[in-house]
Protein backbone atom coordinates (compact mmCIF):
# COMPACT_ATOMS: atom_id res chain seq x y z
CA MET A 1 -19.58 29.46 25.98
CA ALA A 2 -22.25 28.93 23.32
CA ALA A 3 -24.10 25.63 23.27
CA LEU A 4 -22.77 23.20 20.73
CA LYS A 5 -24.82 22.45 17.67
CA GLU A 6 -26.23 18.92 17.56
CA ILE A 7 -25.63 16.83 14.46
CA SER A 8 -27.94 13.84 14.12
CA ILE A 9 -26.68 10.59 12.66
CA GLY A 10 -28.47 7.61 11.17
CA MET A 11 -26.63 4.34 10.62
CA LEU A 12 -27.41 1.56 8.16
CA GLY A 13 -26.13 -1.73 9.56
CA CYS A 14 -24.97 -2.79 13.00
CA GLY A 15 -22.64 -5.72 12.46
CA VAL A 16 -18.98 -5.93 13.43
CA VAL A 17 -18.15 -2.41 12.23
CA GLY A 18 -21.46 -0.73 13.03
CA SER A 19 -21.52 -1.98 16.61
CA GLN A 20 -18.02 -0.56 17.14
CA VAL A 21 -19.06 2.79 15.67
CA ALA A 22 -22.06 2.91 18.01
CA ARG A 23 -19.93 1.96 21.02
CA LEU A 24 -17.25 4.56 20.34
CA LEU A 25 -19.80 7.30 19.66
CA SER A 26 -21.31 6.60 23.07
CA GLU A 27 -18.09 6.17 25.05
CA ASP A 28 -16.15 9.07 23.52
CA SER A 29 -18.96 11.55 22.91
CA GLY A 30 -17.22 14.31 24.86
CA ASP A 31 -13.97 13.96 22.94
CA PHE A 32 -15.80 13.89 19.61
CA ALA A 33 -17.70 17.06 20.53
CA GLU A 34 -14.45 18.87 21.27
CA ARG A 35 -12.81 17.65 18.06
CA SER A 36 -15.75 18.36 15.75
CA GLY A 37 -17.31 21.42 17.38
CA ALA A 38 -20.70 19.70 17.56
CA ARG A 39 -22.57 17.12 19.61
CA LEU A 40 -22.74 13.96 17.51
CA ALA A 41 -25.98 12.14 18.32
CA LEU A 42 -26.71 8.67 16.96
CA LYS A 43 -30.48 8.73 16.45
CA LYS A 44 -31.39 5.59 14.52
CA ILE A 45 -29.82 2.32 13.39
CA ALA A 46 -31.27 0.13 10.64
CA VAL A 47 -30.87 -3.61 11.28
CA ARG A 48 -32.23 -6.79 9.73
CA ASN A 49 -33.13 -8.50 13.00
CA LEU A 50 -34.37 -6.52 15.99
CA SER A 51 -33.95 -9.47 18.37
CA ALA A 52 -30.27 -10.20 17.62
CA PRO A 53 -28.08 -9.74 20.72
CA ARG A 54 -26.29 -6.37 20.84
CA GLU A 55 -24.33 -5.16 23.84
CA ASN A 56 -24.72 -1.59 25.06
CA ILE A 57 -26.98 -0.49 22.20
CA SER A 58 -30.42 0.77 23.17
CA SER A 59 -33.28 -1.05 21.49
CA GLN A 60 -34.92 2.36 21.09
CA LEU A 61 -32.37 3.18 18.38
CA LEU A 62 -33.14 0.13 16.27
CA THR A 63 -35.48 -0.20 13.33
CA THR A 64 -35.88 -2.52 10.36
CA ASP A 65 -37.11 0.38 8.23
CA ALA A 66 -33.94 1.73 6.62
CA GLU A 67 -35.96 3.94 4.27
CA SER A 68 -37.36 5.86 7.22
CA ILE A 69 -33.83 6.77 8.32
CA VAL A 70 -32.60 8.13 4.99
CA THR A 71 -35.78 10.19 4.55
CA ASP A 72 -35.95 11.50 8.14
CA PRO A 73 -35.55 15.31 7.88
CA SER A 74 -34.02 15.50 11.37
CA ILE A 75 -31.03 13.32 10.43
CA ASP A 76 -27.99 15.12 8.99
CA ILE A 77 -25.47 12.36 8.24
CA ILE A 78 -25.90 8.75 7.13
CA ILE A 79 -23.27 6.12 7.96
CA GLU A 80 -23.56 3.04 5.74
CA VAL A 81 -21.92 -0.13 7.06
CA MET A 82 -24.46 -2.69 5.86
CA GLY A 83 -22.41 -3.87 2.87
CA GLY A 84 -23.56 -5.24 -0.47
CA ILE A 85 -24.76 -3.37 -3.54
CA GLU A 86 -28.50 -3.25 -2.92
CA PRO A 87 -30.30 -1.88 -1.03
CA ALA A 88 -27.22 0.16 0.00
CA ARG A 89 -26.98 1.95 -3.37
CA THR A 90 -30.64 2.98 -3.44
CA LEU A 91 -30.62 4.04 0.20
CA LEU A 92 -27.52 6.21 -0.22
CA LEU A 93 -28.87 7.86 -3.37
CA THR A 94 -32.07 8.62 -1.48
CA ALA A 95 -30.11 10.07 1.44
CA ILE A 96 -28.05 12.23 -0.89
CA SER A 97 -31.20 13.47 -2.66
CA GLN A 98 -32.46 14.50 0.80
CA LYS A 99 -29.30 16.66 1.22
CA LYS A 100 -27.70 14.33 3.75
CA SER A 101 -23.95 13.80 3.81
CA VAL A 102 -22.89 10.19 3.59
CA ILE A 103 -20.10 8.02 4.99
CA THR A 104 -19.64 4.52 3.61
CA ALA A 105 -17.24 1.66 4.19
CA ASN A 106 -18.69 -0.21 1.21
CA LYS A 107 -15.83 -0.91 -1.22
CA ALA A 108 -17.94 -3.12 -3.49
CA LEU A 109 -20.55 -0.41 -3.91
CA LEU A 110 -18.00 2.32 -4.62
CA ALA A 111 -16.06 0.16 -7.06
CA LYS A 112 -19.24 -0.58 -9.02
CA HIS A 113 -21.35 2.58 -8.65
CA GLY A 114 -18.93 5.19 -7.33
CA ALA A 115 -19.37 7.53 -10.29
CA GLU A 116 -23.14 7.63 -9.81
CA LEU A 117 -22.81 8.33 -6.09
CA PHE A 118 -20.13 11.01 -6.48
CA GLU A 119 -22.14 12.80 -9.18
CA ALA A 120 -25.23 12.76 -6.98
CA ALA A 121 -23.28 14.13 -4.00
CA ASP A 122 -21.80 16.91 -6.15
CA LYS A 123 -25.20 17.79 -7.59
CA ASN A 124 -26.77 18.01 -4.13
CA GLY A 125 -23.87 19.82 -2.47
CA VAL A 126 -23.19 17.19 0.20
CA ASP A 127 -20.16 15.25 1.35
CA LEU A 128 -19.45 11.63 0.48
CA TYR A 129 -16.57 10.21 2.54
CA TYR A 130 -15.24 6.66 2.37
CA GLU A 131 -11.87 6.34 4.11
CA ALA A 132 -12.91 3.01 5.65
CA ALA A 133 -13.54 1.41 2.24
CA VAL A 134 -9.84 0.67 1.67
CA GLY A 135 -7.32 -0.40 4.27
CA GLY A 136 -9.42 -0.21 7.43
CA ALA A 137 -7.66 2.20 9.78
CA ILE A 138 -4.79 2.89 7.35
CA PRO A 139 -5.03 6.56 6.30
CA ILE A 140 -4.47 6.16 2.56
CA LEU A 141 -7.46 7.73 0.78
CA ARG A 142 -7.18 11.13 2.46
CA PRO A 143 -3.44 11.46 1.65
CA LEU A 144 -4.14 10.56 -1.99
CA ARG A 145 -7.05 12.98 -2.15
CA GLU A 146 -5.46 15.86 -0.23
CA SER A 147 -1.82 15.53 0.82
CA ILE A 148 -0.28 14.54 -2.51
CA VAL A 149 -3.01 15.80 -4.84
CA GLY A 150 -0.47 18.33 -6.16
CA ASP A 151 1.96 15.58 -7.09
CA HIS A 152 2.00 13.05 -9.94
CA VAL A 153 1.56 9.47 -8.78
CA HIS A 154 3.34 6.99 -11.03
CA ARG A 155 2.41 3.74 -9.34
CA ILE A 156 0.63 2.21 -6.37
CA MET A 157 1.27 -1.34 -5.17
CA GLY A 158 -0.77 -2.52 -2.24
CA ILE A 159 -1.40 -5.51 -0.01
CA VAL A 160 -5.05 -4.72 0.61
CA ASN A 161 -6.53 -8.06 1.68
CA GLY A 162 -5.60 -9.44 5.08
CA THR A 163 -6.94 -12.94 4.44
CA THR A 164 -4.72 -13.64 1.46
CA ASN A 165 -1.71 -12.01 3.10
CA TYR A 166 -2.17 -14.25 6.14
CA ILE A 167 -2.39 -17.35 3.92
CA LEU A 168 0.70 -16.43 1.90
CA THR A 169 2.61 -15.57 5.08
CA LYS A 170 1.96 -19.02 6.53
CA MET A 171 2.89 -20.69 3.24
CA ASP A 172 6.17 -18.76 3.33
CA GLU A 173 6.94 -19.37 7.00
CA ARG A 174 5.96 -23.03 7.22
CA GLY A 175 5.96 -24.35 3.69
CA SER A 176 2.22 -25.07 4.02
CA GLU A 177 0.10 -25.83 1.01
CA PHE A 178 -2.64 -23.34 0.14
CA ALA A 179 -5.53 -25.50 1.42
CA LEU A 180 -3.93 -25.98 4.85
CA ALA A 181 -3.08 -22.30 5.25
CA LEU A 182 -6.63 -21.36 4.22
CA LYS A 183 -8.10 -23.77 6.79
CA GLU A 184 -5.96 -22.18 9.51
CA ALA A 185 -7.09 -18.71 8.45
CA GLN A 186 -10.72 -19.85 8.65
CA ASP A 187 -10.22 -21.44 12.08
CA LEU A 188 -8.74 -18.18 13.39
CA GLY A 189 -11.49 -16.03 11.88
CA PHE A 190 -9.29 -14.37 9.24
CA ALA A 191 -11.19 -16.04 6.39
CA GLU A 192 -14.89 -16.54 5.76
CA ALA A 193 -16.49 -19.98 5.42
CA ASN A 194 -16.83 -19.06 1.73
CA PRO A 195 -13.50 -17.32 1.09
CA SER A 196 -13.89 -16.79 -2.65
CA ALA A 197 -14.17 -12.98 -2.52
CA ASP A 198 -10.78 -12.90 -0.80
CA VAL A 199 -8.80 -15.73 -2.39
CA ASP A 200 -10.09 -15.04 -5.92
CA GLY A 201 -8.93 -11.42 -5.64
CA ASN A 202 -12.32 -9.73 -5.95
CA ASP A 203 -12.08 -7.89 -2.63
CA ALA A 204 -8.66 -6.54 -3.58
CA ALA A 205 -9.93 -5.61 -7.06
CA ALA A 206 -12.66 -3.39 -5.59
CA LYS A 207 -10.06 -1.61 -3.48
CA ALA A 208 -7.72 -1.31 -6.47
CA ALA A 209 -10.46 0.48 -8.43
CA ILE A 210 -10.95 3.00 -5.61
CA LEU A 211 -7.21 3.62 -5.17
CA ALA A 212 -6.62 4.00 -8.90
CA GLY A 213 -9.45 6.49 -9.28
CA LEU A 214 -8.05 8.71 -6.53
CA ALA A 215 -4.41 8.41 -7.50
CA PHE A 216 -4.93 9.16 -11.19
CA HIS A 217 -7.94 11.51 -10.94
CA THR A 218 -10.20 9.39 -13.10
CA ARG A 219 -13.12 7.03 -12.79
CA VAL A 220 -12.27 3.34 -12.43
CA SER A 221 -14.83 0.56 -12.02
CA ILE A 222 -14.16 -2.92 -10.70
CA ASP A 223 -14.96 -4.10 -14.24
CA ASP A 224 -11.77 -2.31 -15.38
CA VAL A 225 -9.55 -4.31 -13.02
CA TYR A 226 -7.70 -7.40 -14.25
CA CYS A 227 -7.95 -9.98 -11.49
CA GLU A 228 -6.27 -13.27 -10.52
CA GLY A 229 -6.43 -14.97 -7.13
CA ILE A 230 -3.99 -17.07 -5.12
CA SER A 231 -5.62 -20.52 -5.11
CA LYS A 232 -3.13 -21.89 -7.67
CA ILE A 233 -0.06 -20.87 -5.64
CA SER A 234 1.73 -23.99 -4.38
CA SER A 235 4.29 -24.59 -1.66
CA ARG A 236 6.82 -25.21 -4.44
CA ASP A 237 6.15 -21.74 -5.88
CA VAL A 238 6.77 -20.26 -2.44
CA GLN A 239 9.98 -22.26 -2.05
CA VAL A 240 11.27 -21.14 -5.45
CA ALA A 241 10.53 -17.53 -4.51
CA HIS A 242 12.46 -18.02 -1.27
CA ASP A 243 15.42 -19.55 -3.12
CA ILE A 244 15.78 -16.46 -5.33
CA ASP A 245 15.30 -13.97 -2.44
CA HIS A 246 11.73 -13.09 -3.35
CA ILE A 247 8.34 -13.52 -1.71
CA ILE A 248 4.85 -13.95 -3.18
CA LYS A 249 2.18 -11.39 -2.33
CA LEU A 250 -1.28 -10.72 -3.74
CA LEU A 251 -0.82 -7.15 -4.96
CA ALA A 252 -3.25 -4.52 -6.14
CA ILE A 253 -1.32 -2.49 -8.70
CA ALA A 254 -2.31 0.76 -10.39
CA GLU A 255 0.21 2.54 -12.60
CA SER A 256 0.47 5.01 -15.43
CA THR A 257 1.66 3.80 -18.82
CA PRO A 258 3.89 5.56 -21.37
CA ASP A 259 0.88 6.17 -23.65
CA ASN A 260 -1.09 8.07 -20.97
CA GLN A 261 -3.31 5.20 -19.93
CA ILE A 262 -3.49 3.46 -16.57
CA SER A 263 -3.14 -0.21 -15.76
CA VAL A 264 -5.15 -1.57 -12.84
CA ARG A 265 -4.66 -5.19 -11.84
CA VAL A 266 -4.68 -7.68 -8.99
CA HIS A 267 -2.61 -10.86 -9.11
CA PRO A 268 -0.05 -12.93 -7.20
CA THR A 269 3.28 -11.19 -7.54
CA LEU A 270 6.90 -11.97 -6.79
CA ILE A 271 8.67 -9.06 -5.11
CA PRO A 272 12.26 -8.89 -3.82
CA ARG A 273 12.76 -9.60 -0.12
CA GLU A 274 14.27 -6.14 0.32
CA HIS A 275 11.12 -4.40 -0.95
CA PRO A 276 9.18 -2.73 1.90
CA LEU A 277 6.02 -4.68 1.05
CA ALA A 278 7.86 -7.97 1.58
CA ALA A 279 7.97 -7.27 5.32
CA VAL A 280 4.17 -6.98 5.60
CA ARG A 281 3.12 -10.19 7.35
CA ASN A 282 0.00 -12.00 8.51
CA SER A 283 -3.25 -10.02 8.22
CA PHE A 284 -1.63 -6.58 8.02
CA ASN A 285 -2.12 -4.37 4.96
CA ALA A 286 0.17 -1.81 3.33
CA ILE A 287 0.03 0.51 0.33
CA PHE A 288 3.27 1.58 -1.38
CA VAL A 289 3.04 4.80 -3.40
CA GLU A 290 5.58 6.05 -5.94
CA ALA A 291 5.13 9.75 -6.72
CA GLU A 292 7.17 12.16 -8.82
CA SER A 293 8.05 14.70 -6.12
CA ALA A 294 7.22 12.92 -2.86
CA GLY A 295 9.12 9.81 -3.91
CA GLU A 296 8.31 6.51 -2.22
CA LEU A 297 5.72 6.43 0.56
CA MET A 298 4.27 3.47 2.46
CA PHE A 299 1.12 3.33 4.58
CA TYR A 300 0.86 0.33 6.91
CA GLY A 301 -1.57 -1.03 9.48
CA ARG A 302 -4.59 -3.17 10.24
CA GLY A 303 -6.64 -3.41 7.08
CA ALA A 304 -9.81 -4.90 8.55
CA GLY A 305 -11.67 -5.61 11.76
CA GLY A 306 -14.40 -3.82 13.65
CA ALA A 307 -12.36 -1.33 15.67
CA PRO A 308 -9.84 -0.33 12.94
CA THR A 309 -12.60 0.19 10.37
CA ALA A 310 -14.75 2.06 12.88
CA SER A 311 -11.78 4.36 13.54
CA ALA A 312 -11.74 5.35 9.86
CA VAL A 313 -15.52 5.83 9.80
CA LEU A 314 -15.35 8.12 12.83
CA GLY A 315 -12.52 10.10 11.26
CA ASP A 316 -14.79 10.78 8.30
CA LEU A 317 -17.66 11.65 10.64
CA ILE A 318 -15.62 14.28 12.47
CA ALA A 319 -14.41 15.73 9.16
CA ILE A 320 -17.99 16.12 7.90
CA ALA A 321 -19.14 17.52 11.25
CA ARG A 322 -16.40 20.16 11.05
CA ASN A 323 -17.56 21.07 7.56
CA LYS A 324 -21.10 21.51 8.85
CA THR A 325 -20.14 23.60 11.88
CA ARG A 326 -17.81 25.84 9.87
CA GLY A 327 -19.95 26.02 6.75
CA GLY A 328 -19.36 24.63 3.30
CA GLU A 329 -18.65 21.25 1.80
CA GLY A 330 -15.56 19.18 2.18
CA HIS A 331 -13.49 17.75 -0.62
CA GLY A 332 -14.78 17.16 -4.11
CA GLU A 333 -13.72 14.29 -6.32
CA SER A 334 -11.30 15.12 -9.14
CA ASP A 335 -12.12 12.90 -12.08
CA TYR A 336 -11.05 15.30 -14.79
CA ALA A 337 -8.48 13.03 -16.43
CA GLN A 338 -10.86 10.41 -17.89
CA LEU A 339 -7.93 8.14 -18.65
CA ALA A 340 -8.30 4.99 -20.69
CA ILE A 341 -7.66 1.67 -18.98
CA ALA A 342 -4.76 -0.24 -20.51
CA PRO A 343 -5.64 -3.86 -21.35
CA ILE A 344 -3.56 -6.44 -19.52
CA ASP A 345 -1.99 -7.47 -22.84
CA ASN A 346 -0.24 -4.09 -23.09
CA VAL A 347 1.17 -4.05 -19.57
CA LEU A 348 4.95 -4.26 -19.23
CA THR A 349 5.93 -6.85 -16.66
CA ARG A 350 8.19 -9.82 -16.00
CA TYR A 351 7.37 -13.49 -15.54
CA LEU A 352 8.77 -16.29 -13.45
CA ILE A 353 7.90 -19.50 -15.31
CA ARG A 354 8.36 -22.95 -13.80
CA LEU A 355 8.52 -25.81 -16.30
CA ASP A 356 8.58 -29.59 -16.05
CA VAL A 357 10.70 -30.70 -19.03
CA ALA A 358 12.31 -33.84 -20.38
CA ASP A 359 15.83 -34.30 -19.01
CA LYS A 360 17.71 -34.76 -22.27
CA PRO A 361 20.12 -32.84 -24.52
CA GLY A 362 18.70 -29.95 -26.53
CA VAL A 363 15.83 -29.14 -24.20
CA LEU A 364 17.28 -25.87 -22.92
CA ALA A 365 18.08 -24.72 -26.44
CA SER A 366 14.54 -25.52 -27.56
CA VAL A 367 13.02 -23.62 -24.65
CA ALA A 368 15.31 -20.63 -25.25
CA GLN A 369 14.29 -20.59 -28.91
CA THR A 370 10.62 -20.42 -27.92
CA PHE A 371 11.31 -17.33 -25.84
CA ALA A 372 13.37 -15.73 -28.61
CA SER A 373 10.68 -16.35 -31.21
CA HIS A 374 8.27 -14.26 -29.13
CA ASN A 375 10.79 -11.45 -28.51
CA VAL A 376 11.06 -12.27 -24.82
CA SER A 377 14.51 -12.03 -23.28
CA ILE A 378 15.57 -14.48 -20.56
CA GLU A 379 17.25 -12.98 -17.49
CA THR A 380 18.09 -16.19 -15.59
CA VAL A 381 17.54 -19.94 -15.88
CA ARG A 382 17.81 -22.46 -13.05
CA GLN A 383 17.70 -26.19 -13.73
CA SER A 384 17.42 -29.17 -11.39
CA GLY A 385 17.06 -32.82 -12.32
CA ARG A 386 14.40 -35.15 -10.95
CA GLY A 387 14.57 -38.59 -12.55
CA SER A 388 13.60 -38.56 -16.20
CA SER A 389 12.40 -34.97 -15.86
CA ALA A 390 14.00 -31.67 -14.99
CA GLU A 391 12.62 -28.49 -13.53
CA LEU A 392 13.43 -25.29 -15.37
CA ILE A 393 12.84 -21.99 -13.59
CA VAL A 394 13.00 -19.07 -16.02
CA MET A 395 12.98 -15.39 -15.03
CA THR A 396 12.33 -13.05 -17.94
CA HIS A 397 13.27 -9.47 -18.62
CA THR A 398 10.47 -6.94 -19.05
CA ALA A 399 8.11 -7.54 -21.96
CA THR A 400 4.47 -6.96 -22.77
CA ASP A 401 2.11 -9.31 -21.00
CA SER A 402 0.78 -10.45 -24.37
CA SER A 403 4.26 -11.53 -25.52
CA LEU A 404 4.87 -13.33 -22.25
CA ALA A 405 1.47 -15.05 -22.37
CA ALA A 406 2.08 -16.13 -25.97
CA THR A 407 5.43 -17.57 -24.91
CA VAL A 408 3.78 -19.58 -22.15
CA ASP A 409 1.14 -20.85 -24.58
CA ALA A 410 3.85 -21.97 -27.02
CA LEU A 411 5.78 -23.68 -24.22
CA SER A 412 2.67 -25.60 -23.19
CA LYS A 413 2.52 -27.04 -26.73
CA SER A 414 6.24 -27.80 -27.00
CA ASP A 415 7.35 -31.42 -27.39
CA VAL A 416 10.09 -30.95 -24.75
CA VAL A 417 7.82 -29.39 -22.10
CA LYS A 418 5.80 -31.88 -20.08
CA ASN A 419 3.94 -29.22 -18.14
CA VAL A 420 3.93 -25.50 -17.41
CA GLU A 421 3.81 -25.79 -13.62
CA SER A 422 3.28 -22.13 -12.77
CA VAL A 423 3.49 -18.59 -14.09
CA ILE A 424 3.83 -15.66 -11.69
CA ARG A 425 4.40 -12.01 -12.52
CA VAL A 426 7.40 -10.20 -11.01
CA GLU A 427 7.36 -6.59 -9.77
CA GLY A 428 9.41 -4.32 -7.56
CA ALA A 429 12.46 -3.97 -9.80
CA ARG A 430 12.47 -2.87 -13.42
CA GLN A 431 14.77 -4.79 -15.76
């Protein structure tokens, strides 16, 4: 039997994910050699602090000079798990210019500078893989890129942030307020001390941009993604959702529009309890795909964490190693469509609007007239009294987001409306 070719690997970063990649490469080296057809040798790891404690990683592998790794002619593949935009962007562009294939788990970088990186990889004839950038161990990017590339995707709805899903799960199960559920998530390590990237929706928006680009064969930047977070969701909102057999999730949504544009957005969303995404609890993630021929598909699993993300990184590594041992590149990126991004105003959606109104005759008629004057049809109205006030819960039929937003603005100025308590979009069933 011929000796296996050795493929040398350099890694940028050795935190939670990087340390798991290094561990698995060491422990399962024999299995990886059989699966890839090559010996995968981790040669160098760039770190910020050489003296930080690291179990089972030889100090001989470590360096603070990341530039020396990406320019080392003996290294074939670069794994980037350092995070952030810079210096990751510059280092990866340098690696690509040196004809090195690249694996990254950096969703923020891809969502901001993906086009630049993909163009560089194509120009230099190298692979750029990034399965770990969305959904951790959930295999969603490869199916979009390969398995259903011959289909037409109509819509993707995904729970792609475990922190916010954990918070909303606890609010639903226990009736907790947002602040208390967030504190619990932080205590358990599901949320950072500064949770803004998660709870404001920015993490999900980066993943939405990546998913939309793959699903619709176009380039999407995080700047194209409409984004709202969950910090304004109250226990009352969650209770109202429960009362009407719905649940609130932070969804990343990408869908085609009738005028051949795509809408890409992240926001709290009411979905029916019978929808498959409603059953996704705690820190789990799931992506629900609606395609013309394949129909409805759902991909579910751990969306974050060292081991799940490392699993996706290593899957990419074996794929690239196979390409190198068999000759040729792997997949290219199809961005031929160059679709326009639909502004949020043009999106067709539904609203659930919760109003605090005066409890007196004529209020309901006045509110209904406000909806009618903006060409928004009411599906259902629920009313409950509370002293001198009443709570109105209005579910609309489908309308443009601009018409719905204008209706809410008019309601906020109405003499009979004391306060617009909340506005949440509704998905999962077209009306």
